Amino acid sequence: HKLGFTTSVAKTVATFAVGSNAKLIINDSSTEQSGELSIKYSGPTGNWGYASNIVNVSTNGAIEVNGGTLVNKTERITGVVRNGIDATNAYNKGTSVVVNGGTVNCETGYGIRLFANSKTALSYAEINGGTVKGTYPIVVQTPSSLHSDVKVVINGGEFVGFVPWTGLSSKAIYIYRDAACPTEACEE
């Protein structure tokens, strides 16, 4: 079972959007364990106003990945933010990302991004198994004007970090406090 989504129209694109107290649970029921959710963005670029994410989680939304592969196939395009799972706790509502199995893969961006842009809500990620891949597998971003609570729990799993344009491997978790990633930090 494979569900793919290719777009060239919208400014912010996701295969799934989860919010308003909803929870998305992803299981792979195929015998071969070959289930896949994917996205590929090929639309307009420029000035960091575009985003391509497999899943957007916001406003008390939650995702639990138990199997399958979530893959962002968007190429490295200037002006397009790429994430496997993008968790944004806007409007002072929290987000939750739990990976128990399967793979979250975004080779040209972040595997999981916790964008802690709230003064009171919790940005939560728990990795118990599976694989998270990305230039940085997990990124915690806290804008300098806000002070949100962030909790990342790692009980297991595999983290594969690499920066393809430099040929170097990266850290499993990268934390920065700014509205945008400093270029030198993203390319180390």
N, C-alpha and C. Protein backbone atom coordinates (compact mmCIF):
# COMPACT_ATOMS: atom_id res chain seq x y z
N HIS A 1 0.84 -1.17 0.00
CA HIS A 1 0.00 0.00 0.00
C HIS A 1 0.89 1.23 0.00
N LYS A 2 0.72 2.07 -0.99
CA LYS A 2 1.51 3.29 -1.05
C LYS A 2 0.58 4.45 -1.37
N LEU A 3 0.75 5.53 -0.62
CA LEU A 3 -0.02 6.74 -0.85
C LEU A 3 0.98 7.85 -1.09
N GLY A 4 0.98 8.38 -2.29
CA GLY A 4 1.91 9.44 -2.64
C GLY A 4 1.16 10.70 -3.00
N PHE A 5 1.80 11.82 -2.81
CA PHE A 5 1.18 13.10 -3.06
C PHE A 5 2.22 13.99 -3.70
N THR A 6 1.96 14.47 -4.91
CA THR A 6 2.86 15.39 -5.59
C THR A 6 2.09 16.67 -5.85
N THR A 7 2.71 17.81 -5.57
CA THR A 7 2.02 19.08 -5.77
C THR A 7 2.97 20.13 -6.30
N SER A 8 2.40 21.09 -6.97
CA SER A 8 3.18 22.24 -7.43
C SER A 8 2.37 23.52 -7.25
N VAL A 9 1.33 23.48 -6.42
CA VAL A 9 0.42 24.61 -6.33
C VAL A 9 0.53 25.36 -5.01
N ALA A 10 0.27 24.71 -3.92
CA ALA A 10 0.09 25.38 -2.63
C ALA A 10 1.41 25.88 -2.05
N LYS A 11 1.27 26.80 -1.10
CA LYS A 11 2.43 27.39 -0.44
C LYS A 11 2.94 26.47 0.66
N THR A 12 2.06 25.92 1.48
CA THR A 12 2.44 24.95 2.49
C THR A 12 1.69 23.68 2.20
N VAL A 13 2.41 22.57 2.07
CA VAL A 13 1.82 21.33 1.61
C VAL A 13 2.14 20.21 2.59
N ALA A 14 1.15 19.37 2.89
CA ALA A 14 1.36 18.19 3.69
C ALA A 14 0.46 17.08 3.18
N THR A 15 0.93 15.84 3.27
CA THR A 15 0.09 14.70 2.92
C THR A 15 -1.07 14.61 3.91
N PHE A 16 -0.78 14.84 5.20
CA PHE A 16 -1.80 14.86 6.24
C PHE A 16 -1.60 16.08 7.13
N ALA A 17 -2.69 16.65 7.62
CA ALA A 17 -2.65 17.71 8.62
C ALA A 17 -3.47 17.23 9.81
N VAL A 18 -2.88 17.31 11.01
CA VAL A 18 -3.53 16.81 12.22
C VAL A 18 -3.59 17.93 13.24
N GLY A 19 -4.78 18.27 13.69
CA GLY A 19 -4.93 19.33 14.68
C GLY A 19 -6.26 19.21 15.39
N SER A 20 -6.60 20.22 16.17
CA SER A 20 -7.89 20.28 16.88
C SER A 20 -8.18 19.01 17.66
N ASN A 21 -7.24 18.62 18.51
CA ASN A 21 -7.38 17.47 19.40
C ASN A 21 -7.47 16.13 18.67
N ALA A 22 -7.02 16.07 17.43
CA ALA A 22 -7.05 14.82 16.66
C ALA A 22 -5.74 14.06 16.83
N LYS A 23 -5.79 12.75 16.57
CA LYS A 23 -4.60 11.91 16.63
C LYS A 23 -4.57 11.02 15.39
N LEU A 24 -3.44 11.03 14.68
CA LEU A 24 -3.24 10.18 13.52
C LEU A 24 -2.34 9.03 13.95
N ILE A 25 -2.83 7.79 13.75
CA ILE A 25 -2.03 6.60 14.06
C ILE A 25 -1.71 5.91 12.75
N ILE A 26 -0.41 5.68 12.51
CA ILE A 26 0.03 5.06 11.27
C ILE A 26 0.58 3.67 11.58
N ASN A 27 -0.07 2.66 10.98
CA ASN A 27 0.36 1.27 11.08
C ASN A 27 0.61 0.75 9.67
N ASP A 28 1.43 -0.27 9.54
CA ASP A 28 1.66 -0.92 8.25
C ASP A 28 1.11 -2.33 8.34
N SER A 29 0.00 -2.57 7.67
CA SER A 29 -0.63 -3.89 7.73
C SER A 29 -0.19 -4.80 6.59
N SER A 30 0.69 -4.32 5.71
CA SER A 30 1.13 -5.15 4.59
C SER A 30 2.05 -6.26 5.08
N THR A 31 1.95 -7.40 4.45
CA THR A 31 2.78 -8.55 4.81
C THR A 31 4.26 -8.23 4.68
N GLU A 32 4.61 -7.49 3.63
CA GLU A 32 6.01 -7.15 3.37
C GLU A 32 6.50 -5.97 4.19
N GLN A 33 5.60 -5.34 4.94
CA GLN A 33 5.93 -4.11 5.69
C GLN A 33 6.50 -3.06 4.74
N SER A 34 5.82 -2.89 3.60
CA SER A 34 6.30 -1.98 2.57
C SER A 34 5.38 -0.77 2.38
N GLY A 35 4.50 -0.52 3.32
CA GLY A 35 3.59 0.62 3.21
C GLY A 35 4.35 1.93 3.23
N GLU A 36 3.87 2.91 2.45
CA GLU A 36 4.59 4.18 2.34
C GLU A 36 3.62 5.34 2.17
N LEU A 37 3.90 6.42 2.89
CA LEU A 37 3.25 7.71 2.68
C LEU A 37 4.35 8.65 2.20
N SER A 38 4.10 9.37 1.11
CA SER A 38 5.16 10.23 0.59
C SER A 38 4.59 11.54 0.09
N ILE A 39 5.49 12.50 -0.04
CA ILE A 39 5.15 13.79 -0.62
C ILE A 39 6.34 14.25 -1.46
N LYS A 40 6.03 14.95 -2.55
CA LYS A 40 7.07 15.58 -3.36
C LYS A 40 6.54 16.93 -3.82
N TYR A 41 7.25 17.96 -3.45
CA TYR A 41 6.87 19.32 -3.81
C TYR A 41 7.73 19.76 -4.98
N SER A 42 7.09 20.34 -6.00
CA SER A 42 7.84 20.82 -7.16
C SER A 42 7.33 22.17 -7.63
N GLY A 43 6.76 22.92 -6.70
CA GLY A 43 6.15 24.20 -7.06
C GLY A 43 7.07 25.38 -6.94
N PRO A 44 6.49 26.56 -6.72
CA PRO A 44 7.26 27.80 -6.63
C PRO A 44 8.29 27.75 -5.49
N THR A 45 9.33 28.54 -5.63
CA THR A 45 10.36 28.61 -4.61
C THR A 45 10.68 30.06 -4.31
N GLY A 46 11.53 30.26 -3.33
CA GLY A 46 12.03 31.60 -3.02
C GLY A 46 11.69 32.05 -1.61
N ASN A 47 12.50 32.87 -1.07
CA ASN A 47 12.31 33.59 0.19
C ASN A 47 11.73 32.79 1.35
N TRP A 48 11.95 31.53 1.43
CA TRP A 48 11.57 30.68 2.56
C TRP A 48 10.10 30.83 2.95
N GLY A 49 9.23 30.92 1.96
CA GLY A 49 7.81 31.02 2.24
C GLY A 49 7.05 29.76 1.91
N TYR A 50 7.74 28.69 1.53
CA TYR A 50 7.09 27.46 1.09
C TYR A 50 7.54 26.31 1.98
N ALA A 51 6.64 25.32 2.18
CA ALA A 51 6.98 24.18 3.03
C ALA A 51 6.43 22.90 2.43
N SER A 52 7.16 21.82 2.62
CA SER A 52 6.76 20.49 2.18
C SER A 52 6.97 19.55 3.36
N ASN A 53 5.86 19.03 3.91
CA ASN A 53 5.93 18.13 5.06
C ASN A 53 5.06 16.91 4.78
N ILE A 54 5.47 15.74 5.27
CA ILE A 54 4.61 14.58 5.13
C ILE A 54 3.39 14.76 6.03
N VAL A 55 3.64 15.16 7.28
CA VAL A 55 2.54 15.37 8.23
C VAL A 55 2.79 16.68 8.98
N ASN A 56 1.77 17.54 9.03
CA ASN A 56 1.77 18.73 9.88
C ASN A 56 0.94 18.41 11.11
N VAL A 57 1.50 18.63 12.29
CA VAL A 57 0.78 18.42 13.54
C VAL A 57 0.71 19.76 14.26
N SER A 58 -0.50 20.18 14.66
CA SER A 58 -0.63 21.45 15.37
C SER A 58 -1.88 21.44 16.23
N THR A 59 -2.03 22.46 17.07
CA THR A 59 -3.24 22.75 17.84
C THR A 59 -3.76 21.51 18.57
N ASN A 60 -2.98 21.02 19.51
CA ASN A 60 -3.32 19.82 20.29
C ASN A 60 -3.42 18.56 19.44
N GLY A 61 -2.76 18.53 18.32
CA GLY A 61 -2.73 17.35 17.46
C GLY A 61 -1.64 16.39 17.90
N ALA A 62 -1.78 15.13 17.47
CA ALA A 62 -0.81 14.10 17.83
C ALA A 62 -0.66 13.12 16.68
N ILE A 63 0.52 12.55 16.57
CA ILE A 63 0.78 11.48 15.61
C ILE A 63 1.52 10.36 16.33
N GLU A 64 1.15 9.13 15.97
CA GLU A 64 1.84 7.95 16.48
C GLU A 64 2.19 7.08 15.28
N VAL A 65 3.48 6.83 15.08
CA VAL A 65 3.95 6.01 13.96
C VAL A 65 4.37 4.66 14.52
N ASN A 66 3.67 3.61 14.08
CA ASN A 66 3.97 2.25 14.53
C ASN A 66 4.59 1.39 13.45
N GLY A 67 4.50 1.82 12.20
CA GLY A 67 5.05 1.04 11.10
C GLY A 67 4.94 1.83 9.81
N GLY A 68 5.47 1.24 8.74
CA GLY A 68 5.44 1.89 7.44
C GLY A 68 6.58 2.88 7.28
N THR A 69 6.61 3.53 6.13
CA THR A 69 7.63 4.53 5.83
C THR A 69 6.95 5.83 5.44
N LEU A 70 7.34 6.90 6.11
CA LEU A 70 6.92 8.25 5.75
C LEU A 70 8.14 8.88 5.09
N VAL A 71 8.02 9.26 3.83
CA VAL A 71 9.20 9.78 3.13
C VAL A 71 8.86 11.07 2.39
N ASN A 72 9.68 12.08 2.61
CA ASN A 72 9.57 13.34 1.89
C ASN A 72 10.54 13.27 0.72
N LYS A 73 10.01 13.24 -0.49
CA LYS A 73 10.83 13.09 -1.70
C LYS A 73 11.15 14.43 -2.36
N THR A 74 10.86 15.52 -1.67
CA THR A 74 11.15 16.84 -2.20
C THR A 74 12.65 17.04 -2.29
N GLU A 75 13.10 17.53 -3.42
CA GLU A 75 14.53 17.78 -3.59
C GLU A 75 14.94 19.01 -2.79
N ARG A 76 16.23 19.19 -2.64
CA ARG A 76 16.76 20.36 -1.93
C ARG A 76 16.56 21.59 -2.82
N ILE A 77 15.53 22.39 -2.50
CA ILE A 77 15.17 23.56 -3.29
C ILE A 77 15.28 24.79 -2.39
N THR A 78 15.97 25.82 -2.83
CA THR A 78 16.07 27.05 -2.06
C THR A 78 14.69 27.64 -1.84
N GLY A 79 14.42 28.00 -0.61
CA GLY A 79 13.15 28.64 -0.28
C GLY A 79 12.03 27.69 0.08
N VAL A 80 12.32 26.39 0.14
CA VAL A 80 11.30 25.41 0.51
C VAL A 80 11.79 24.64 1.74
N VAL A 81 11.06 24.79 2.85
CA VAL A 81 11.37 24.06 4.08
C VAL A 81 10.85 22.64 3.91
N ARG A 82 11.66 21.65 4.26
CA ARG A 82 11.29 20.25 4.10
C ARG A 82 11.40 19.53 5.44
N ASN A 83 10.33 18.81 5.81
CA ASN A 83 10.32 18.03 7.05
C ASN A 83 9.58 16.72 6.80
N GLY A 84 9.93 15.71 7.60
CA GLY A 84 9.12 14.50 7.63
C GLY A 84 7.85 14.81 8.39
N ILE A 85 8.00 15.08 9.68
CA ILE A 85 6.88 15.48 10.53
C ILE A 85 7.20 16.87 11.07
N ASP A 86 6.26 17.78 10.90
CA ASP A 86 6.42 19.14 11.40
C ASP A 86 5.39 19.38 12.48
N ALA A 87 5.84 19.53 13.72
CA ALA A 87 4.94 19.74 14.86
C ALA A 87 5.06 21.17 15.34
N THR A 88 3.99 21.94 15.18
CA THR A 88 3.97 23.37 15.50
C THR A 88 2.91 23.62 16.55
N ASN A 89 3.33 24.05 17.75
CA ASN A 89 2.33 24.23 18.81
C ASN A 89 1.80 25.66 18.85
N ALA A 90 1.18 26.03 17.76
CA ALA A 90 0.62 27.38 17.63
C ALA A 90 -0.60 27.58 18.52
N TYR A 91 -0.94 28.82 18.74
CA TYR A 91 -2.12 29.21 19.52
C TYR A 91 -2.11 28.64 20.93
N ASN A 92 -0.91 28.48 21.49
CA ASN A 92 -0.74 27.96 22.85
C ASN A 92 -1.40 26.60 23.04
N LYS A 93 -1.35 25.78 22.00
CA LYS A 93 -1.84 24.41 22.05
C LYS A 93 -0.65 23.50 21.79
N GLY A 94 -0.56 22.38 22.49
CA GLY A 94 0.59 21.50 22.39
C GLY A 94 0.53 20.55 21.20
N THR A 95 1.65 19.84 20.99
CA THR A 95 1.73 18.82 19.97
C THR A 95 2.45 17.60 20.53
N SER A 96 2.17 16.44 19.95
CA SER A 96 2.79 15.20 20.39
C SER A 96 3.17 14.35 19.19
N VAL A 97 4.42 13.90 19.17
CA VAL A 97 4.93 13.01 18.13
C VAL A 97 5.52 11.79 18.83
N VAL A 98 5.00 10.60 18.51
CA VAL A 98 5.52 9.36 19.09
C VAL A 98 5.86 8.41 17.94
N VAL A 99 7.09 7.90 17.94
CA VAL A 99 7.52 6.93 16.94
C VAL A 99 7.87 5.64 17.67
N ASN A 100 7.08 4.60 17.40
CA ASN A 100 7.31 3.27 18.00
C ASN A 100 7.94 2.31 17.02
N GLY A 101 7.82 2.59 15.73
CA GLY A 101 8.34 1.73 14.68
C GLY A 101 8.22 2.43 13.35
N GLY A 102 8.66 1.74 12.29
CA GLY A 102 8.60 2.34 10.97
C GLY A 102 9.75 3.30 10.74
N THR A 103 9.63 4.11 9.68
CA THR A 103 10.68 5.04 9.30
C THR A 103 10.09 6.39 8.95
N VAL A 104 10.71 7.44 9.47
CA VAL A 104 10.41 8.82 9.07
C VAL A 104 11.66 9.29 8.34
N ASN A 105 11.53 9.64 7.05
CA ASN A 105 12.70 9.92 6.23
C ASN A 105 12.52 11.22 5.46
N CYS A 106 13.42 12.17 5.71
CA CYS A 106 13.46 13.41 4.93
C CYS A 106 14.93 13.73 4.69
N GLU A 107 15.47 13.17 3.62
CA GLU A 107 16.91 13.29 3.36
C GLU A 107 17.35 14.69 2.98
N THR A 108 16.42 15.56 2.61
CA THR A 108 16.80 16.92 2.23
C THR A 108 16.31 17.94 3.26
N GLY A 109 15.90 17.48 4.42
CA GLY A 109 15.42 18.37 5.48
C GLY A 109 15.44 17.64 6.81
N TYR A 110 14.61 18.08 7.72
CA TYR A 110 14.58 17.50 9.06
C TYR A 110 13.63 16.32 9.12
N GLY A 111 14.03 15.27 9.85
CA GLY A 111 13.14 14.13 10.04
C GLY A 111 11.91 14.56 10.83
N ILE A 112 12.12 15.10 12.01
CA ILE A 112 11.05 15.62 12.86
C ILE A 112 11.46 17.01 13.32
N ARG A 113 10.57 17.99 13.13
CA ARG A 113 10.83 19.33 13.64
C ARG A 113 9.77 19.66 14.68
N LEU A 114 10.24 20.02 15.87
CA LEU A 114 9.36 20.54 16.92
C LEU A 114 9.54 22.05 16.91
N PHE A 115 8.56 22.76 16.39
CA PHE A 115 8.61 24.22 16.34
C PHE A 115 7.86 24.74 17.54
N ALA A 116 8.60 25.08 18.59
CA ALA A 116 8.04 25.46 19.88
C ALA A 116 7.70 26.94 19.88
N ASN A 117 6.65 27.30 19.17
CA ASN A 117 6.29 28.71 19.01
C ASN A 117 5.07 29.08 19.85
N SER A 118 5.15 28.77 21.12
CA SER A 118 4.07 29.07 22.05
C SER A 118 4.70 29.46 23.38
N LYS A 119 4.01 30.27 24.15
CA LYS A 119 4.54 30.63 25.46
C LYS A 119 4.19 29.62 26.54
N THR A 120 3.17 28.79 26.31
CA THR A 120 2.71 27.91 27.38
C THR A 120 2.57 26.45 27.01
N ALA A 121 2.48 26.10 25.74
CA ALA A 121 2.16 24.73 25.34
C ALA A 121 3.41 23.86 25.25
N LEU A 122 3.22 22.55 25.42
CA LEU A 122 4.31 21.58 25.38
C LEU A 122 4.48 21.03 23.97
N SER A 123 5.72 21.05 23.48
CA SER A 123 6.10 20.35 22.26
C SER A 123 6.76 19.05 22.71
N TYR A 124 6.17 17.91 22.34
CA TYR A 124 6.60 16.62 22.89
C TYR A 124 6.95 15.65 21.77
N ALA A 125 8.08 14.97 21.91
CA ALA A 125 8.44 13.89 21.00
C ALA A 125 8.98 12.73 21.82
N GLU A 126 8.57 11.53 21.44
CA GLU A 126 9.04 10.31 22.11
C GLU A 126 9.39 9.30 21.04
N ILE A 127 10.62 8.81 21.08
CA ILE A 127 11.08 7.82 20.12
C ILE A 127 11.37 6.54 20.89
N ASN A 128 10.59 5.50 20.60
CA ASN A 128 10.72 4.21 21.27
C ASN A 128 11.31 3.14 20.36
N GLY A 129 11.27 3.37 19.07
CA GLY A 129 11.77 2.42 18.09
C GLY A 129 11.69 3.05 16.71
N GLY A 130 11.99 2.24 15.70
CA GLY A 130 11.93 2.76 14.34
C GLY A 130 13.18 3.53 13.97
N THR A 131 13.12 4.23 12.85
CA THR A 131 14.25 4.98 12.33
C THR A 131 13.79 6.39 11.95
N VAL A 132 14.59 7.38 12.33
CA VAL A 132 14.33 8.76 11.95
C VAL A 132 15.55 9.25 11.18
N LYS A 133 15.31 9.69 9.93
CA LYS A 133 16.40 10.13 9.05
C LYS A 133 16.16 11.57 8.62
N GLY A 134 17.24 12.31 8.48
CA GLY A 134 17.16 13.67 7.98
C GLY A 134 18.51 14.34 8.06
N THR A 135 18.61 15.56 7.51
CA THR A 135 19.86 16.29 7.67
C THR A 135 20.16 16.38 9.17
N TYR A 136 19.14 16.64 9.95
CA TYR A 136 19.15 16.42 11.40
C TYR A 136 17.90 15.60 11.68
N PRO A 137 18.03 14.43 12.29
CA PRO A 137 16.86 13.59 12.54
C PRO A 137 15.78 14.30 13.37
N ILE A 138 16.17 14.98 14.43
CA ILE A 138 15.21 15.73 15.24
C ILE A 138 15.74 17.14 15.44
N VAL A 139 14.88 18.12 15.18
CA VAL A 139 15.25 19.52 15.38
C VAL A 139 14.23 20.15 16.32
N VAL A 140 14.74 20.85 17.32
CA VAL A 140 13.90 21.64 18.21
C VAL A 140 14.19 23.10 17.90
N GLN A 141 13.18 23.83 17.46
CA GLN A 141 13.34 25.23 17.11
C GLN A 141 12.47 26.07 18.03
N THR A 142 13.10 26.98 18.76
CA THR A 142 12.37 27.88 19.65
C THR A 142 12.64 29.31 19.22
N PRO A 143 11.64 29.99 18.70
CA PRO A 143 11.83 31.39 18.33
C PRO A 143 12.26 32.21 19.54
N SER A 144 13.12 33.16 19.32
CA SER A 144 13.73 33.91 20.43
C SER A 144 12.72 34.69 21.26
N SER A 145 11.55 35.00 20.71
CA SER A 145 10.57 35.78 21.46
C SER A 145 9.65 34.92 22.32
N LEU A 146 9.73 33.60 22.18
CA LEU A 146 8.83 32.71 22.92
C LEU A 146 9.62 31.71 23.75
N HIS A 147 8.99 31.19 24.78
CA HIS A 147 9.68 30.26 25.68
C HIS A 147 8.78 29.07 25.96
N SER A 148 8.61 28.21 25.01
CA SER A 148 7.74 27.06 25.13
C SER A 148 8.46 25.91 25.83
N ASP A 149 7.69 25.04 26.46
CA ASP A 149 8.25 23.83 27.03
C ASP A 149 8.45 22.80 25.93
N VAL A 150 9.59 22.13 25.97
CA VAL A 150 9.90 21.09 25.00
C VAL A 150 10.38 19.87 25.76
N LYS A 151 9.88 18.70 25.36
CA LYS A 151 10.34 17.46 25.98
C LYS A 151 10.58 16.45 24.88
N VAL A 152 11.81 15.91 24.82
CA VAL A 152 12.16 14.86 23.88
C VAL A 152 12.63 13.67 24.70
N VAL A 153 11.95 12.53 24.51
CA VAL A 153 12.27 11.30 25.24
C VAL A 153 12.74 10.27 24.22
N ILE A 154 13.92 9.72 24.45
CA ILE A 154 14.45 8.69 23.55
C ILE A 154 14.65 7.41 24.35
N ASN A 155 13.84 6.40 24.03
CA ASN A 155 13.93 5.09 24.67
C ASN A 155 14.52 4.05 23.74
N GLY A 156 14.68 4.37 22.48
CA GLY A 156 15.19 3.44 21.50
C GLY A 156 15.15 4.08 20.13
N GLY A 157 15.30 3.24 19.12
CA GLY A 157 15.25 3.75 17.75
C GLY A 157 16.63 3.99 17.18
N GLU A 158 16.64 4.29 15.90
CA GLU A 158 17.88 4.59 15.18
C GLU A 158 17.76 5.97 14.58
N PHE A 159 18.84 6.73 14.63
CA PHE A 159 18.87 8.09 14.11
C PHE A 159 19.96 8.18 13.06
N VAL A 160 19.58 8.61 11.86
CA VAL A 160 20.53 8.72 10.77
C VAL A 160 20.52 10.18 10.32
N GLY A 161 21.63 10.85 10.57
CA GLY A 161 21.76 12.26 10.21
C GLY A 161 22.86 12.45 9.20
N PHE A 162 22.58 13.24 8.20
CA PHE A 162 23.58 13.50 7.17
C PHE A 162 23.26 14.81 6.49
N VAL A 163 24.30 15.50 6.09
CA VAL A 163 24.14 16.76 5.38
C VAL A 163 24.69 16.52 3.97
N PRO A 164 23.78 16.18 3.02
CA PRO A 164 24.24 15.71 1.71
C PRO A 164 25.10 16.69 0.95
N TRP A 165 24.89 17.99 1.12
CA TRP A 165 25.67 18.95 0.35
C TRP A 165 27.06 19.15 0.92
N THR A 166 27.35 18.57 2.11
CA THR A 166 28.71 18.64 2.64
C THR A 166 29.36 17.26 2.72
N GLY A 167 28.55 16.20 2.66
CA GLY A 167 29.07 14.84 2.79
C GLY A 167 29.34 14.44 4.22
N LEU A 168 28.94 15.26 5.19
CA LEU A 168 29.20 14.98 6.59
C LEU A 168 27.98 14.40 7.28
N SER A 169 28.20 13.62 8.33
CA SER A 169 27.08 13.17 9.15
C SER A 169 26.74 14.27 10.15
N SER A 170 25.57 14.19 10.76
CA SER A 170 25.14 15.23 11.69
C SER A 170 24.75 14.63 13.02
N LYS A 171 24.41 15.51 13.95
CA LYS A 171 23.95 15.10 15.26
C LYS A 171 22.55 14.53 15.17
N ALA A 172 22.15 13.70 16.15
CA ALA A 172 20.79 13.15 16.17
C ALA A 172 19.78 14.23 16.49
N ILE A 173 20.12 15.13 17.41
CA ILE A 173 19.20 16.19 17.80
C ILE A 173 19.93 17.52 17.70
N TYR A 174 19.26 18.49 17.10
CA TYR A 174 19.82 19.83 16.98
C TYR A 174 18.81 20.79 17.57
N ILE A 175 19.26 21.64 18.47
CA ILE A 175 18.38 22.60 19.13
C ILE A 175 18.90 24.00 18.83
N TYR A 176 18.02 24.87 18.37
CA TYR A 176 18.43 26.25 18.17
C TYR A 176 17.29 27.19 18.51
N ARG A 177 17.68 28.38 18.89
CA ARG A 177 16.71 29.38 19.32
C ARG A 177 16.78 30.57 18.38
N ASP A 178 15.92 30.55 17.39
CA ASP A 178 15.89 31.60 16.40
C ASP A 178 14.69 31.34 15.51
N ALA A 179 14.30 32.32 14.74
CA ALA A 179 13.18 32.15 13.82
C ALA A 179 13.58 31.37 12.58
N ALA A 180 14.87 31.38 12.26
CA ALA A 180 15.34 30.65 11.09
C ALA A 180 16.68 30.00 11.43
N CYS A 181 16.95 28.90 10.78
CA CYS A 181 18.17 28.14 11.05
C CYS A 181 19.38 28.90 10.50
N PRO A 182 20.39 29.15 11.34
CA PRO A 182 21.60 29.79 10.81
C PRO A 182 22.29 28.88 9.80
N THR A 183 22.67 29.43 8.68
CA THR A 183 23.21 28.65 7.58
C THR A 183 24.39 27.79 8.00
N GLU A 184 25.33 28.37 8.73
CA GLU A 184 26.51 27.60 9.12
C GLU A 184 26.15 26.43 10.04
N ALA A 185 25.14 26.58 10.88
CA ALA A 185 24.74 25.49 11.76
C ALA A 185 24.05 24.38 10.98
N CYS A 186 23.26 24.73 9.98
CA CYS A 186 22.54 23.73 9.19
C CYS A 186 23.47 22.97 8.27
N GLU A 187 24.60 23.53 7.96
CA GLU A 187 25.49 22.88 7.00
C GLU A 187 26.75 22.35 7.64
N GLU A 188 26.76 22.17 8.97
CA GLU A 188 27.97 21.63 9.60
C GLU A 188 28.03 20.13 9.48
